[in-house]
C-alpha atoms as a PDB file:
ATOM      1  CA  UNK A   1     -11.110  26.857  27.364  1.00  0.00           C
ATOM      2  CA  UNK A   2     -14.198  25.295  25.037  1.00  0.00           C
ATOM      3  CA  UNK A   3     -13.355  21.965  23.761  1.00  0.00           C
ATOM      4  CA  UNK A   4     -13.876  20.794  20.193  1.00  0.00           C
ATOM      5  CA  UNK A   5     -14.221  18.187  18.719  1.00  0.00           C
ATOM      6  CA  UNK A   6     -11.479  18.693  16.220  1.00  0.00           C
ATOM      7  CA  UNK A   7      -8.584  19.282  18.194  1.00  0.00           C
ATOM      8  CA  UNK A   8      -6.261  19.582  15.797  1.00  0.00           C
ATOM      9  CA  UNK A   9      -5.562  20.551  12.088  1.00  0.00           C
ATOM     10  CA  UNK A  10      -3.886  16.942  10.568  1.00  0.00           C
ATOM     11  CA  UNK A  11      -0.631  17.532   8.186  1.00  0.00           C
ATOM     12  CA  UNK A  12      -2.183  16.076   4.596  1.00  0.00           C
ATOM     13  CA  UNK A  13       0.969  17.947   2.447  1.00  0.00           C
ATOM     14  CA  UNK A  14       2.354  15.650   0.639  1.00  0.00           C
ATOM     15  CA  UNK A  15       5.590  13.709   1.327  1.00  0.00           C
ATOM     16  CA  UNK A  16       7.743  12.725  -1.698  1.00  0.00           C
ATOM     17  CA  UNK A  17       9.327   9.104  -1.344  1.00  0.00           C
ATOM     18  CA  UNK A  18      11.770   7.377  -3.334  1.00  0.00           C
ATOM     19  CA  UNK A  19      12.244   4.338  -4.191  1.00  0.00           C
ATOM     20  CA  UNK A  20      13.809   1.450  -6.434  1.00  0.00           C
ATOM     21  CA  UNK A  21      11.419  -1.326  -7.568  1.00  0.00           C
ATOM     22  CA  UNK A  22      13.250  -4.720  -9.645  1.00  0.00           C
ATOM     23  CA  UNK A  23      12.305  -4.794 -13.003  1.00  0.00           C
ATOM     24  CA  UNK A  24       9.881  -7.112 -13.111  1.00  0.00           C
ATOM     25  CA  UNK A  25       7.710  -5.317 -10.056  1.00  0.00           C
ATOM     26  CA  UNK A  26       8.127  -2.270 -12.501  1.00  0.00           C
ATOM     27  CA  UNK A  27       6.829  -4.148 -15.470  1.00  0.00           C
ATOM     28  CA  UNK A  28       3.420  -5.414 -14.125  1.00  0.00           C
ATOM     29  CA  UNK A  29       3.196  -1.917 -12.820  1.00  0.00           C
ATOM     30  CA  UNK A  30       2.985  -0.611 -16.051  1.00  0.00           C
ATOM     31  CA  UNK A  31       1.089  -3.144 -17.006  1.00  0.00           C
ATOM     32  CA  UNK A  32      -1.888  -2.948 -14.146  1.00  0.00           C
ATOM     33  CA  UNK A  33      -1.668   1.122 -14.938  1.00  0.00           C
ATOM     34  CA  UNK A  34      -2.765   0.428 -18.654  1.00  0.00           C
ATOM     35  CA  UNK A  35      -5.091  -2.000 -17.404  1.00  0.00           C
ATOM     36  CA  UNK A  36      -7.003   0.569 -14.916  1.00  0.00           C
ATOM     37  CA  UNK A  37      -6.556   3.112 -18.390  1.00  0.00           C
ATOM     38  CA  UNK A  38      -8.274   0.621 -20.511  1.00  0.00           C
ATOM     39  CA  UNK A  39     -10.985  -0.414 -17.934  1.00  0.00           C
ATOM     40  CA  UNK A  40     -11.475   3.621 -17.822  1.00  0.00           C
ATOM     41  CA  UNK A  41     -11.454   3.964 -21.747  1.00  0.00           C
ATOM     42  CA  UNK A  42      -8.697   6.535 -21.041  1.00  0.00           C
ATOM     43  CA  UNK A  43      -5.871   6.626 -22.821  1.00  0.00           C
ATOM     44  CA  UNK A  44      -2.524   5.213 -20.286  1.00  0.00           C
ATOM     45  CA  UNK A  45       0.276   7.814 -19.881  1.00  0.00           C
ATOM     46  CA  UNK A  46       2.702   4.902 -17.341  1.00  0.00           C
ATOM     47  CA  UNK A  47       4.552   7.329 -15.880  1.00  0.00           C
ATOM     48  CA  UNK A  48       2.342  10.098 -14.492  1.00  0.00           C
ATOM     49  CA  UNK A  49      -0.475   7.247 -14.252  1.00  0.00           C
ATOM     50  CA  UNK A  50       1.745   4.542 -11.993  1.00  0.00           C
ATOM     51  CA  UNK A  51       3.424   7.837  -9.912  1.00  0.00           C
ATOM     52  CA  UNK A  52      -0.586   8.164  -9.079  1.00  0.00           C
ATOM     53  CA  UNK A  53      -1.406   4.366  -8.978  1.00  0.00           C
ATOM     54  CA  UNK A  54       1.297   3.874  -6.166  1.00  0.00           C
ATOM     55  CA  UNK A  55       0.169   5.386  -2.903  1.00  0.00           C
ATOM     56  CA  UNK A  56      -3.561   4.444  -3.449  1.00  0.00           C
ATOM     57  CA  UNK A  57      -1.956   0.672  -3.702  1.00  0.00           C
ATOM     58  CA  UNK A  58       0.380   0.870  -1.173  1.00  0.00           C
ATOM     59  CA  UNK A  59      -3.078   2.725   1.002  1.00  0.00           C
ATOM     60  CA  UNK A  60      -5.292  -0.224  -0.207  1.00  0.00           C
ATOM     61  CA  UNK A  61      -2.746  -2.996   1.355  1.00  0.00           C
ATOM     62  CA  UNK A  62      -2.837  -0.968   4.746  1.00  0.00           C
ATOM     63  CA  UNK A  63      -6.344  -0.590   4.879  1.00  0.00           C
ATOM     64  CA  UNK A  64      -6.526  -3.962   3.890  1.00  0.00           C
ATOM     65  CA  UNK A  65      -3.978  -5.756   6.140  1.00  0.00           C
ATOM     66  CA  UNK A  66      -5.846  -6.665   8.977  1.00  0.00           C
ATOM     67  CA  UNK A  67      -2.559  -7.265  11.448  1.00  0.00           C
ATOM     68  CA  UNK A  68      -1.442  -3.579  10.593  1.00  0.00           C
ATOM     69  CA  UNK A  69      -5.122  -2.143  10.585  1.00  0.00           C
ATOM     70  CA  UNK A  70      -5.036  -3.448  14.850  1.00  0.00           C
ATOM     71  CA  UNK A  71      -1.491  -2.838  15.501  1.00  0.00           C
ATOM     72  CA  UNK A  72      -2.108   0.881  14.373  1.00  0.00           C
ATOM     73  CA  UNK A  73      -5.776   1.199  16.708  1.00  0.00           C
ATOM     74  CA  UNK A  74      -3.653   0.289  19.313  1.00  0.00           C
ATOM     75  CA  UNK A  75      -1.164   2.988  18.933  1.00  0.00           C
ATOM     76  CA  UNK A  76      -3.390   5.317  18.281  1.00  0.00           C
ATOM     77  CA  UNK A  77      -4.943   4.936  21.919  1.00  0.00           C
ATOM     78  CA  UNK A  78      -2.270   4.799  23.789  1.00  0.00           C
ATOM     79  CA  UNK A  79      -0.727   8.073  22.040  1.00  0.00           C
ATOM     80  CA  UNK A  80      -4.089   9.299  23.018  1.00  0.00           C
ATOM     81  CA  UNK A  81      -4.601   7.908  26.402  1.00  0.00           C
ATOM     82  CA  UNK A  82      -0.423   9.752  27.255  1.00  0.00           C
ATOM     83  CA  UNK A  83      -1.618  12.970  25.217  1.00  0.00           C
ATOM     84  CA  UNK A  84      -4.256  13.264  28.464  1.00  0.00           C
ATOM     85  CA  UNK A  85      -2.554  12.628  31.589  1.00  0.00           C
ATOM     86  CA  UNK A  86      -2.616  15.558  34.316  1.00  0.00           C
ATOM     87  CA  UNK A  87       0.576  17.053  32.726  1.00  0.00           C
ATOM     88  CA  UNK A  88      -0.596  17.306  29.044  1.00  0.00           C
ATOM     89  CA  UNK A  89      -3.409  19.443  29.843  1.00  0.00           C
ATOM     90  CA  UNK A  90      -3.734  23.114  28.105  1.00  0.00           C
END
């Protein structure tokens, strides 16, 4: 069988997550949305924009966490090596 560079199509469907925030963090999040909107010169729809901003903030947080990135790399490498054993051939 041909070995393709892309062997699987990643699951890109969004996953809905419901969280509760302490009031202080919620107020700060809404302020952050207002500041981002003002910087971009756009009106703020704080509820909608907060929902769009949170995934960006969480993603950025994880991108810049060196310990997380190191462990993620180790786990991905371990998963790939476990999946390439003799009993796992297509």
